[in-house]
């Protein structure tokens, strides 16, 4: 197996998400996934079975909620913040959104 074979195999693997996993319906025990609208066995709405917890007020919100109805916490803004890459100077701690060769604050050389 060569390097190109290993890269091709790694790229061809399907990434699994939470929506692809099988869960048990709490009402009847049938297999359901999060991308279904209702349980195929008992008809209970999937959104009413599974909830996400607000990190600010601990309110249980619907899975597709963009804002917590209790405290107006923005789930999408937190997700965007988590995806943003930030570089930090090891000397002064200055945070940069782009990678520089020198820190603009303390002039420490990075490379």
PDB file of N, CA and C in Angstrom:
ATOM      1  N   UNK A   1       0.847  -1.174   0.000  1.00  0.00           N
ATOM      2  CA  UNK A   1       0.000   0.000   0.000  1.00  0.00           C
ATOM      3  C   UNK A   1       0.890   1.232   0.000  1.00  0.00           C
ATOM      4  N   UNK A   2       0.730   2.069  -1.008  1.00  0.00           N
ATOM      5  CA  UNK A   2       1.540   3.266  -1.133  1.00  0.00           C
ATOM      6  C   UNK A   2       0.904   4.462  -0.455  1.00  0.00           C
ATOM      7  N   UNK A   3       1.612   5.547  -0.515  1.00  0.00           N
ATOM      8  CA  UNK A   3       1.141   6.790   0.106  1.00  0.00           C
ATOM      9  C   UNK A   3      -0.125   7.287  -0.570  1.00  0.00           C
ATOM     10  N   UNK A   4      -0.169   7.205  -1.908  1.00  0.00           N
ATOM     11  CA  UNK A   4      -1.362   7.664  -2.625  1.00  0.00           C
ATOM     12  C   UNK A   4      -2.577   6.799  -2.307  1.00  0.00           C
ATOM     13  N   UNK A   5      -2.360   5.502  -2.120  1.00  0.00           N
ATOM     14  CA  UNK A   5      -3.469   4.618  -1.739  1.00  0.00           C
ATOM     15  C   UNK A   5      -4.025   4.991  -0.370  1.00  0.00           C
ATOM     16  N   UNK A   6      -3.128   5.287   0.580  1.00  0.00           N
ATOM     17  CA  UNK A   6      -3.553   5.665   1.928  1.00  0.00           C
ATOM     18  C   UNK A   6      -4.317   6.980   1.915  1.00  0.00           C
ATOM     19  N   UNK A   7      -3.842   7.939   1.117  1.00  0.00           N
ATOM     20  CA  UNK A   7      -4.537   9.234   1.026  1.00  0.00           C
ATOM     21  C   UNK A   7      -5.902   9.057   0.377  1.00  0.00           C
ATOM     22  N   UNK A   8      -5.954   8.265  -0.689  1.00  0.00           N
ATOM     23  CA  UNK A   8      -7.229   8.015  -1.363  1.00  0.00           C
ATOM     24  C   UNK A   8      -8.233   7.326  -0.462  1.00  0.00           C
ATOM     25  N   UNK A   9      -7.765   6.379   0.335  1.00  0.00           N
ATOM     26  CA  UNK A   9      -8.651   5.672   1.269  1.00  0.00           C
ATOM     27  C   UNK A   9      -9.164   6.604   2.352  1.00  0.00           C
ATOM     28  N   UNK A  10      -8.287   7.473   2.858  1.00  0.00           N
ATOM     29  CA  UNK A  10      -8.699   8.414   3.899  1.00  0.00           C
ATOM     30  C   UNK A  10      -9.724   9.404   3.367  1.00  0.00           C
ATOM     31  N   UNK A  11      -9.568   9.843   2.120  1.00  0.00           N
ATOM     32  CA  UNK A  11     -10.505  10.801   1.539  1.00  0.00           C
ATOM     33  C   UNK A  11     -11.834  10.159   1.175  1.00  0.00           C
ATOM     34  N   UNK A  12     -11.824   8.867   0.874  1.00  0.00           N
ATOM     35  CA  UNK A  12     -13.062   8.208   0.456  1.00  0.00           C
ATOM     36  C   UNK A  12     -13.944   7.795   1.630  1.00  0.00           C
ATOM     37  N   UNK A  13     -13.409   7.810   2.845  1.00  0.00           N
ATOM     38  CA  UNK A  13     -14.225   7.435   4.008  1.00  0.00           C
ATOM     39  C   UNK A  13     -15.322   8.463   4.232  1.00  0.00           C
ATOM     40  N   UNK A  14     -16.493   7.979   4.522  1.00  0.00           N
ATOM     41  CA  UNK A  14     -17.624   8.860   4.794  1.00  0.00           C
ATOM     42  C   UNK A  14     -17.544   9.348   6.231  1.00  0.00           C
ATOM     43  N   UNK A  15     -17.666  10.661   6.396  1.00  0.00           N
ATOM     44  CA  UNK A  15     -17.652  11.225   7.741  1.00  0.00           C
ATOM     45  C   UNK A  15     -19.041  11.064   8.351  1.00  0.00           C
ATOM     46  N   UNK A  16     -19.086  10.603   9.585  1.00  0.00           N
ATOM     47  CA  UNK A  16     -20.369  10.416  10.242  1.00  0.00           C
ATOM     48  C   UNK A  16     -20.667  11.626  11.113  1.00  0.00           C
ATOM     49  N   UNK A  17     -21.919  12.009  11.136  1.00  0.00           N
ATOM     50  CA  UNK A  17     -22.371  13.107  11.980  1.00  0.00           C
ATOM     51  C   UNK A  17     -23.391  12.566  12.967  1.00  0.00           C
ATOM     52  N   UNK A  18     -23.836  13.417  13.881  1.00  0.00           N
ATOM     53  CA  UNK A  18     -24.851  12.995  14.842  1.00  0.00           C
ATOM     54  C   UNK A  18     -26.158  12.621  14.152  1.00  0.00           C
ATOM     55  N   UNK A  19     -26.449  13.263  13.009  1.00  0.00           N
ATOM     56  CA  UNK A  19     -27.680  12.957  12.290  1.00  0.00           C
ATOM     57  C   UNK A  19     -27.630  11.567  11.659  1.00  0.00           C
ATOM     58  N   UNK A  20     -26.435  11.039  11.400  1.00  0.00           N
ATOM     59  CA  UNK A  20     -26.310   9.724  10.784  1.00  0.00           C
ATOM     60  C   UNK A  20     -26.371   8.586  11.795  1.00  0.00           C
ATOM     61  N   UNK A  21     -26.157   8.862  13.068  1.00  0.00           N
ATOM     62  CA  UNK A  21     -26.161   7.812  14.085  1.00  0.00           C
ATOM     63  C   UNK A  21     -27.578   7.328  14.364  1.00  0.00           C
ATOM     64  N   UNK A  22     -27.680   6.082  14.782  1.00  0.00           N
ATOM     65  CA  UNK A  22     -28.973   5.517  15.168  1.00  0.00           C
ATOM     66  C   UNK A  22     -29.193   5.732  16.660  1.00  0.00           C
ATOM     67  N   UNK A  23     -30.400   6.148  17.011  1.00  0.00           N
ATOM     68  CA  UNK A  23     -30.795   6.335  18.404  1.00  0.00           C
ATOM     69  C   UNK A  23     -32.039   5.509  18.665  1.00  0.00           C
ATOM     70  N   UNK A  24     -32.361   5.319  19.936  1.00  0.00           N
ATOM     71  CA  UNK A  24     -33.595   4.623  20.311  1.00  0.00           C
ATOM     72  C   UNK A  24     -34.661   5.659  20.636  1.00  0.00           C
ATOM     73  N   UNK A  25     -35.859   5.422  20.139  1.00  0.00           N
ATOM     74  CA  UNK A  25     -36.993   6.269  20.482  1.00  0.00           C
ATOM     75  C   UNK A  25     -37.329   6.034  21.950  1.00  0.00           C
ATOM     76  N   UNK A  26     -37.422   7.079  22.778  1.00  0.00           N
ATOM     77  CA  UNK A  26     -37.736   6.881  24.189  1.00  0.00           C
ATOM     78  C   UNK A  26     -39.152   6.356  24.427  1.00  0.00           C
ATOM     79  N   UNK A  27     -40.031   6.541  23.459  1.00  0.00           N
ATOM     80  CA  UNK A  27     -41.404   6.075  23.627  1.00  0.00           C
ATOM     81  C   UNK A  27     -41.560   4.589  23.346  1.00  0.00           C
ATOM     82  N   UNK A  28     -41.020   4.138  22.182  1.00  0.00           N
ATOM     83  CA  UNK A  28     -41.271   2.750  21.786  1.00  0.00           C
ATOM     84  C   UNK A  28     -39.999   1.924  21.619  1.00  0.00           C
ATOM     85  N   UNK A  29     -38.823   2.541  21.578  1.00  0.00           N
ATOM     86  CA  UNK A  29     -37.574   1.810  21.457  1.00  0.00           C
ATOM     87  C   UNK A  29     -37.141   1.531  20.029  1.00  0.00           C
ATOM     88  N   UNK A  30     -37.866   2.053  19.039  1.00  0.00           N
ATOM     89  CA  UNK A  30     -37.503   1.834  17.636  1.00  0.00           C
ATOM     90  C   UNK A  30     -36.263   2.650  17.280  1.00  0.00           C
ATOM     91  N   UNK A  31     -35.558   2.225  16.223  1.00  0.00           N
ATOM     92  CA  UNK A  31     -34.380   2.967  15.770  1.00  0.00           C
ATOM     93  C   UNK A  31     -34.825   4.224  15.032  1.00  0.00           C
ATOM     94  N   UNK A  32     -34.246   5.365  15.419  1.00  0.00           N
ATOM     95  CA  UNK A  32     -34.514   6.633  14.754  1.00  0.00           C
ATOM     96  C   UNK A  32     -33.194   7.353  14.528  1.00  0.00           C
ATOM     97  N   UNK A  33     -33.179   8.290  13.566  1.00  0.00           N
ATOM     98  CA  UNK A  33     -32.038   9.174  13.348  1.00  0.00           C
ATOM     99  C   UNK A  33     -32.521  10.609  13.508  1.00  0.00           C
ATOM    100  N   UNK A  34     -31.595  11.518  13.731  1.00  0.00           N
ATOM    101  CA  UNK A  34     -31.977  12.906  13.982  1.00  0.00           C
ATOM    102  C   UNK A  34     -32.486  13.620  12.734  1.00  0.00           C
ATOM    103  N   UNK A  35     -32.228  13.082  11.534  1.00  0.00           N
ATOM    104  CA  UNK A  35     -32.738  13.736  10.334  1.00  0.00           C
ATOM    105  C   UNK A  35     -34.155  13.286   9.978  1.00  0.00           C
ATOM    106  N   UNK A  36     -34.744  12.377  10.756  1.00  0.00           N
ATOM    107  CA  UNK A  36     -36.150  11.989  10.575  1.00  0.00           C
ATOM    108  C   UNK A  36     -37.040  13.035  11.234  1.00  0.00           C
ATOM    109  N   UNK A  37     -38.252  13.182  10.706  1.00  0.00           N
ATOM    110  CA  UNK A  37     -39.187  14.119  11.332  1.00  0.00           C
ATOM    111  C   UNK A  37     -39.973  13.438  12.450  1.00  0.00           C
ATOM    112  N   UNK A  38     -40.377  12.200  12.231  1.00  0.00           N
ATOM    113  CA  UNK A  38     -41.147  11.451  13.225  1.00  0.00           C
ATOM    114  C   UNK A  38     -40.608  10.029  13.351  1.00  0.00           C
ATOM    115  N   UNK A  39     -40.894   9.412  14.484  1.00  0.00           N
ATOM    116  CA  UNK A  39     -40.539   8.010  14.698  1.00  0.00           C
ATOM    117  C   UNK A  39     -41.399   7.164  13.764  1.00  0.00           C
ATOM    118  N   UNK A  40     -40.799   6.246  12.998  1.00  0.00           N
ATOM    119  CA  UNK A  40     -41.597   5.445  12.063  1.00  0.00           C
ATOM    120  C   UNK A  40     -42.535   4.463  12.766  1.00  0.00           C
ATOM    121  N   UNK A  41     -42.275   4.136  14.011  1.00  0.00           N
ATOM    122  CA  UNK A  41     -43.094   3.164  14.724  1.00  0.00           C
ATOM    123  C   UNK A  41     -44.271   3.811  15.455  1.00  0.00           C
ATOM    124  N   UNK A  42     -43.976   4.824  16.286  1.00  0.00           N
ATOM    125  CA  UNK A  42     -45.051   5.396  17.108  1.00  0.00           C
ATOM    126  C   UNK A  42     -45.490   6.792  16.675  1.00  0.00           C
ATOM    127  N   UNK A  43     -44.728   7.460  15.787  1.00  0.00           N
ATOM    128  CA  UNK A  43     -45.141   8.752  15.262  1.00  0.00           C
ATOM    129  C   UNK A  43     -44.778   9.947  16.120  1.00  0.00           C
ATOM    130  N   UNK A  44     -44.012   9.757  17.186  1.00  0.00           N
ATOM    131  CA  UNK A  44     -43.616  10.883  18.042  1.00  0.00           C
ATOM    132  C   UNK A  44     -42.614  11.749  17.282  1.00  0.00           C
ATOM    133  N   UNK A  45     -42.741  13.072  17.408  1.00  0.00           N
ATOM    134  CA  UNK A  45     -41.815  13.981  16.730  1.00  0.00           C
ATOM    135  C   UNK A  45     -40.405  13.851  17.309  1.00  0.00           C
ATOM    136  N   UNK A  46     -39.416  13.752  16.437  1.00  0.00           N
ATOM    137  CA  UNK A  46     -38.024  13.593  16.854  1.00  0.00           C
ATOM    138  C   UNK A  46     -37.543  14.838  17.602  1.00  0.00           C
ATOM    139  N   UNK A  47     -37.942  16.021  17.152  1.00  0.00           N
ATOM    140  CA  UNK A  47     -37.508  17.261  17.807  1.00  0.00           C
ATOM    141  C   UNK A  47     -37.973  17.331  19.255  1.00  0.00           C
ATOM    142  N   UNK A  48     -39.100  16.714  19.562  1.00  0.00           N
ATOM    143  CA  UNK A  48     -39.595  16.753  20.938  1.00  0.00           C
ATOM    144  C   UNK A  48     -38.861  15.752  21.829  1.00  0.00           C
ATOM    145  N   UNK A  49     -38.181  14.774  21.215  1.00  0.00           N
ATOM    146  CA  UNK A  49     -37.473  13.764  22.007  1.00  0.00           C
ATOM    147  C   UNK A  49     -36.073  14.212  22.402  1.00  0.00           C
ATOM    148  N   UNK A  50     -35.366  14.860  21.504  1.00  0.00           N
ATOM    149  CA  UNK A  50     -33.978  15.227  21.732  1.00  0.00           C
ATOM    150  C   UNK A  50     -33.847  16.737  21.835  1.00  0.00           C
ATOM    151  N   UNK A  51     -33.115  17.194  22.815  1.00  0.00           N
ATOM    152  CA  UNK A  51     -32.941  18.629  23.064  1.00  0.00           C
ATOM    153  C   UNK A  51     -31.466  18.937  23.263  1.00  0.00           C
ATOM    154  N   UNK A  52     -31.101  20.221  23.090  1.00  0.00           N
ATOM    155  CA  UNK A  52     -29.749  20.660  23.436  1.00  0.00           C
ATOM    156  C   UNK A  52     -29.845  21.648  24.585  1.00  0.00           C
ATOM    157  N   UNK A  53     -28.853  21.574  25.464  1.00  0.00           N
ATOM    158  CA  UNK A  53     -28.857  22.369  26.683  1.00  0.00           C
ATOM    159  C   UNK A  53     -28.137  23.691  26.446  1.00  0.00           C
ATOM    160  N   UNK A  54     -28.759  24.785  26.836  1.00  0.00           N
ATOM    161  CA  UNK A  54     -28.151  26.107  26.720  1.00  0.00           C
ATOM    162  C   UNK A  54     -27.015  26.212  27.748  1.00  0.00           C
ATOM    163  N   UNK A  55     -25.798  26.590  27.322  1.00  0.00           N
ATOM    164  CA  UNK A  55     -24.689  26.683  28.273  1.00  0.00           C
ATOM    165  C   UNK A  55     -24.805  27.863  29.231  1.00  0.00           C
ATOM    166  N   UNK A  56     -25.661  28.821  28.906  1.00  0.00           N
ATOM    167  CA  UNK A  56     -25.791  30.011  29.754  1.00  0.00           C
ATOM    168  C   UNK A  56     -26.828  29.835  30.863  1.00  0.00           C
ATOM    169  N   UNK A  57     -28.023  29.328  30.505  1.00  0.00           N
ATOM    170  CA  UNK A  57     -29.103  29.242  31.496  1.00  0.00           C
ATOM    171  C   UNK A  57     -29.564  27.802  31.766  1.00  0.00           C
ATOM    172  N   UNK A  58     -29.001  26.818  31.083  1.00  0.00           N
ATOM    173  CA  UNK A  58     -29.336  25.389  31.222  1.00  0.00           C
ATOM    174  C   UNK A  58     -30.747  25.048  30.765  1.00  0.00           C
ATOM    175  N   UNK A  59     -31.372  25.903  29.974  1.00  0.00           N
ATOM    176  CA  UNK A  59     -32.688  25.627  29.395  1.00  0.00           C
ATOM    177  C   UNK A  59     -32.536  24.559  28.313  1.00  0.00           C
ATOM    178  N   UNK A  60     -33.467  23.611  28.230  1.00  0.00           N
ATOM    179  CA  UNK A  60     -33.445  22.611  27.179  1.00  0.00           C
ATOM    180  C   UNK A  60     -34.147  23.177  25.952  1.00  0.00           C
ATOM    181  N   UNK A  61     -33.398  23.356  24.865  1.00  0.00           N
ATOM    182  CA  UNK A  61     -33.916  23.965  23.646  1.00  0.00           C
ATOM    183  C   UNK A  61     -34.044  22.906  22.559  1.00  0.00           C
ATOM    184  N   UNK A  62     -34.836  23.200  21.522  1.00  0.00           N
ATOM    185  CA  UNK A  62     -34.971  22.281  20.404  1.00  0.00           C
ATOM    186  C   UNK A  62     -33.630  22.155  19.691  1.00  0.00           C
ATOM    187  N   UNK A  63     -33.436  21.029  18.994  1.00  0.00           N
ATOM    188  CA  UNK A  63     -32.158  20.767  18.335  1.00  0.00           C
ATOM    189  C   UNK A  63     -31.806  21.809  17.283  1.00  0.00           C
ATOM    190  N   UNK A  64     -32.793  22.319  16.560  1.00  0.00           N
ATOM    191  CA  UNK A  64     -32.502  23.284  15.503  1.00  0.00           C
ATOM    192  C   UNK A  64     -32.661  24.736  15.955  1.00  0.00           C
ATOM    193  N   UNK A  65     -32.758  24.976  17.254  1.00  0.00           N
ATOM    194  CA  UNK A  65     -32.909  26.345  17.763  1.00  0.00           C
ATOM    195  C   UNK A  65     -31.639  27.141  17.506  1.00  0.00           C
ATOM    196  N   UNK A  66     -31.815  28.361  16.998  1.00  0.00           N
ATOM    197  CA  UNK A  66     -30.679  29.240  16.746  1.00  0.00           C
ATOM    198  C   UNK A  66     -30.408  30.146  17.942  1.00  0.00           C
ATOM    199  N   UNK A  67     -31.460  30.443  18.708  1.00  0.00           N
ATOM    200  CA  UNK A  67     -31.354  31.309  19.884  1.00  0.00           C
ATOM    201  C   UNK A  67     -32.154  30.682  21.018  1.00  0.00           C
ATOM    202  N   UNK A  68     -31.601  30.711  22.224  1.00  0.00           N
ATOM    203  CA  UNK A  68     -32.303  30.186  23.391  1.00  0.00           C
ATOM    204  C   UNK A  68     -33.496  31.083  23.700  1.00  0.00           C
ATOM    205  N   UNK A  69     -34.707  30.529  23.841  1.00  0.00           N
ATOM    206  CA  UNK A  69     -35.880  31.360  24.125  1.00  0.00           C
ATOM    207  C   UNK A  69     -35.867  31.960  25.536  1.00  0.00           C
ATOM    208  N   UNK A  70     -35.112  31.373  26.446  1.00  0.00           N
ATOM    209  CA  UNK A  70     -35.078  31.846  27.836  1.00  0.00           C
ATOM    210  C   UNK A  70     -34.145  33.046  28.007  1.00  0.00           C
ATOM    211  N   UNK A  71     -32.890  32.920  27.520  1.00  0.00           N
ATOM    212  CA  UNK A  71     -31.888  33.962  27.791  1.00  0.00           C
ATOM    213  C   UNK A  71     -31.349  34.622  26.527  1.00  0.00           C
ATOM    214  N   UNK A  72     -31.869  34.266  25.349  1.00  0.00           N
ATOM    215  CA  UNK A  72     -31.436  34.802  24.058  1.00  0.00           C
ATOM    216  C   UNK A  72     -29.980  34.494  23.729  1.00  0.00           C
ATOM    217  N   UNK A  73     -29.453  33.382  24.232  1.00  0.00           N
ATOM    218  CA  UNK A  73     -28.091  32.942  23.898  1.00  0.00           C
ATOM    219  C   UNK A  73     -28.065  32.520  22.436  1.00  0.00           C
ATOM    220  N   UNK A  74     -27.074  32.989  21.680  1.00  0.00           N
ATOM    221  CA  UNK A  74     -26.992  32.717  20.253  1.00  0.00           C
ATOM    222  C   UNK A  74     -26.100  31.498  20.014  1.00  0.00           C
ATOM    223  N   UNK A  75     -26.714  30.354  19.647  1.00  0.00           N
ATOM    224  CA  UNK A  75     -25.970  29.125  19.393  1.00  0.00           C
ATOM    225  C   UNK A  75     -25.094  29.250  18.152  1.00  0.00           C
ATOM    226  N   UNK A  76     -25.572  29.940  17.100  1.00  0.00           N
ATOM    227  CA  UNK A  76     -24.819  30.062  15.854  1.00  0.00           C
ATOM    228  C   UNK A  76     -23.578  30.922  16.030  1.00  0.00           C
ATOM    229  N   UNK A  77     -23.665  31.986  16.833  1.00  0.00           N
ATOM    230  CA  UNK A  77     -22.496  32.833  17.069  1.00  0.00           C
ATOM    231  C   UNK A  77     -21.413  32.052  17.800  1.00  0.00           C
ATOM    232  N   UNK A  78     -21.806  31.202  18.728  1.00  0.00           N
ATOM    233  CA  UNK A  78     -20.837  30.374  19.462  1.00  0.00           C
ATOM    234  C   UNK A  78     -20.176  29.370  18.527  1.00  0.00           C
ATOM    235  N   UNK A  79     -20.945  28.809  17.606  1.00  0.00           N
ATOM    236  CA  UNK A  79     -20.392  27.860  16.645  1.00  0.00           C
ATOM    237  C   UNK A  79     -19.399  28.559  15.716  1.00  0.00           C
ATOM    238  N   UNK A  80     -19.728  29.757  15.246  1.00  0.00           N
ATOM    239  CA  UNK A  80     -18.817  30.515  14.389  1.00  0.00           C
ATOM    240  C   UNK A  80     -17.547  30.886  15.149  1.00  0.00           C
ATOM    241  N   UNK A  81     -17.683  31.247  16.411  1.00  0.00           N
ATOM    242  CA  UNK A  81     -16.523  31.590  17.236  1.00  0.00           C
ATOM    243  C   UNK A  81     -15.615  30.380  17.450  1.00  0.00           C
ATOM    244  N   UNK A  82     -16.205  29.207  17.581  1.00  0.00           N
ATOM    245  CA  UNK A  82     -15.418  27.991  17.791  1.00  0.00           C
ATOM    246  C   UNK A  82     -14.647  27.595  16.533  1.00  0.00           C
ATOM    247  N   UNK A  83     -15.189  27.908  15.353  1.00  0.00           N
ATOM    248  CA  UNK A  83     -14.530  27.555  14.102  1.00  0.00           C
ATOM    249  C   UNK A  83     -13.429  28.538  13.715  1.00  0.00           C
ATOM    250  N   UNK A  84     -13.466  29.748  14.274  1.00  0.00           N
ATOM    251  CA  UNK A  84     -12.488  30.772  13.913  1.00  0.00           C
ATOM    252  C   UNK A  84     -11.123  30.424  14.493  1.00  0.00           C
ATOM    253  N   UNK A  85     -10.082  30.517  13.666  1.00  0.00           N
ATOM    254  CA  UNK A  85      -8.737  30.194  14.106  1.00  0.00           C
ATOM    255  C   UNK A  85      -8.042  31.460  14.594  1.00  0.00           C
ATOM    256  N   UNK A  86      -7.413  31.360  15.742  1.00  0.00           N
ATOM    257  CA  UNK A  86      -6.719  32.503  16.337  1.00  0.00           C
ATOM    258  C   UNK A  86      -5.305  32.062  16.712  1.00  0.00           C
ATOM    259  N   UNK A  87      -4.326  32.901  16.399  1.00  0.00           N
ATOM    260  CA  UNK A  87      -2.950  32.652  16.803  1.00  0.00           C
ATOM    261  C   UNK A  87      -2.623  33.555  17.975  1.00  0.00           C
ATOM    262  N   UNK A  88      -1.891  33.033  18.929  1.00  0.00           N
ATOM    263  CA  UNK A  88      -1.562  33.777  20.134  1.00  0.00           C
ATOM    264  C   UNK A  88      -0.045  33.841  20.282  1.00  0.00           C
ATOM    265  N   UNK A  89       0.467  35.030  20.587  1.00  0.00           N
ATOM    266  CA  UNK A  89       1.897  35.202  20.815  1.00  0.00           C
ATOM    267  C   UNK A  89       2.271  34.500  22.122  1.00  0.00           C
ATOM    268  N   UNK A  90       3.306  33.643  22.109  1.00  0.00           N
ATOM    269  CA  UNK A  90       3.673  32.925  23.336  1.00  0.00           C
ATOM    270  C   UNK A  90       4.320  33.814  24.389  1.00  0.00           C
ATOM    271  N   UNK A  91       4.779  34.996  24.006  1.00  0.00           N
ATOM    272  CA  UNK A  91       5.450  35.894  24.943  1.00  0.00           C
ATOM    273  C   UNK A  91       4.459  36.848  25.625  1.00  0.00           C
ATOM    274  N   UNK A  92       3.705  37.606  24.814  1.00  0.00           N
ATOM    275  CA  UNK A  92       2.815  38.626  25.405  1.00  0.00           C
ATOM    276  C   UNK A  92       1.349  38.214  25.428  1.00  0.00           C
ATOM    277  N   UNK A  93       0.975  37.151  24.688  1.00  0.00           N
ATOM    278  CA  UNK A  93      -0.408  36.686  24.692  1.00  0.00           C
ATOM    279  C   UNK A  93      -1.317  37.398  23.715  1.00  0.00           C
ATOM    280  N   UNK A  94      -0.788  38.259  22.864  1.00  0.00           N
ATOM    281  CA  UNK A  94      -1.598  38.984  21.883  1.00  0.00           C
ATOM    282  C   UNK A  94      -2.240  37.996  20.913  1.00  0.00           C
ATOM    283  N   UNK A  95      -3.541  38.145  20.643  1.00  0.00           N
ATOM    284  CA  UNK A  95      -4.269  37.250  19.749  1.00  0.00           C
ATOM    285  C   UNK A  95      -4.408  37.875  18.377  1.00  0.00           C
ATOM    286  N   UNK A  96      -4.087  37.079  17.337  1.00  0.00           N
ATOM    287  CA  UNK A  96      -4.133  37.551  15.953  1.00  0.00           C
ATOM    288  C   UNK A  96      -5.031  36.633  15.136  1.00  0.00           C
ATOM    289  N   UNK A  97      -5.786  37.201  14.199  1.00  0.00           N
ATOM    290  CA  UNK A  97      -6.627  36.406  13.316  1.00  0.00           C
ATOM    291  C   UNK A  97      -5.849  35.897  12.115  1.00  0.00           C
ATOM    292  N   UNK A  98      -4.731  36.526  11.790  1.00  0.00           N
ATOM    293  CA  UNK A  98      -3.861  36.062  10.714  1.00  0.00           C
ATOM    294  C   UNK A  98      -2.486  35.794  11.295  1.00  0.00           C
ATOM    295  N   UNK A  99      -1.746  34.907  10.650  1.00  0.00           N
ATOM    296  CA  UNK A  99      -0.425  34.542  11.143  1.00  0.00           C
ATOM    297  C   UNK A  99       0.603  35.532  10.603  1.00  0.00           C
ATOM    298  N   UNK A 100       1.329  36.160  11.481  1.00  0.00           N
ATOM    299  CA  UNK A 100       2.405  37.085  11.126  1.00  0.00           C
ATOM    300  C   UNK A 100       3.743  36.415  11.402  1.00  0.00           C
ATOM    301  N   UNK A 101       4.809  36.985  10.847  1.00  0.00           N
ATOM    302  CA  UNK A 101       6.144  36.480  11.154  1.00  0.00           C
ATOM    303  C   UNK A 101       6.673  37.080  12.443  1.00  0.00           C
ATOM    304  N   UNK A 102       6.133  38.241  12.835  1.00  0.00           N
ATOM    305  CA  UNK A 102       6.503  38.892  14.095  1.00  0.00           C
ATOM    306  C   UNK A 102       5.242  39.366  14.806  1.00  0.00           C
ATOM    307  N   UNK A 103       5.296  39.368  16.132  1.00  0.00           N
ATOM    308  CA  UNK A 103       4.171  39.870  16.928  1.00  0.00           C
ATOM    309  C   UNK A 103       4.121  41.392  16.774  1.00  0.00           C
ATOM    310  N   UNK A 104       2.959  41.970  16.441  1.00  0.00           N
ATOM    311  CA  UNK A 104       2.869  43.421  16.296  1.00  0.00           C
ATOM    312  C   UNK A 104       2.975  44.174  17.615  1.00  0.00           C
ATOM    313  N   UNK A 105       2.865  43.507  18.737  1.00  0.00           N
ATOM    314  CA  UNK A 105       2.917  44.167  20.040  1.00  0.00           C
ATOM    315  C   UNK A 105       4.322  44.134  20.636  1.00  0.00           C
ATOM    316  N   UNK A 106       4.904  42.927  20.772  1.00  0.00           N
ATOM    317  CA  UNK A 106       6.193  42.798  21.447  1.00  0.00           C
ATOM    318  C   UNK A 106       7.357  42.522  20.487  1.00  0.00           C
ATOM    319  N   UNK A 107       7.070  42.418  19.180  1.00  0.00           N
ATOM    320  CA  UNK A 107       8.069  42.235  18.128  1.00  0.00           C
ATOM    321  C   UNK A 107       8.810  40.886  18.229  1.00  0.00           C
ATOM    322  N   UNK A 108       8.213  39.882  18.863  1.00  0.00           N
ATOM    323  CA  UNK A 108       8.803  38.558  18.936  1.00  0.00           C
ATOM    324  C   UNK A 108       8.721  37.895  17.564  1.00  0.00           C
ATOM    325  N   UNK A 109       9.814  37.315  17.119  1.00  0.00           N
ATOM    326  CA  UNK A 109       9.836  36.640  15.819  1.00  0.00           C
ATOM    327  C   UNK A 109       9.290  35.226  15.981  1.00  0.00           C
ATOM    328  N   UNK A 110       8.346  34.849  15.098  1.00  0.00           N
ATOM    329  CA  UNK A 110       7.707  33.529  15.172  1.00  0.00           C
ATOM    330  C   UNK A 110       8.411  32.487  14.324  1.00  0.00           C
ATOM    331  N   UNK A 111       8.975  32.895  13.207  1.00  0.00           N
ATOM    332  CA  UNK A 111       9.564  31.922  12.272  1.00  0.00           C
ATOM    333  C   UNK A 111      11.037  32.173  12.099  1.00  0.00           C
TER     334      UNK A 111
END
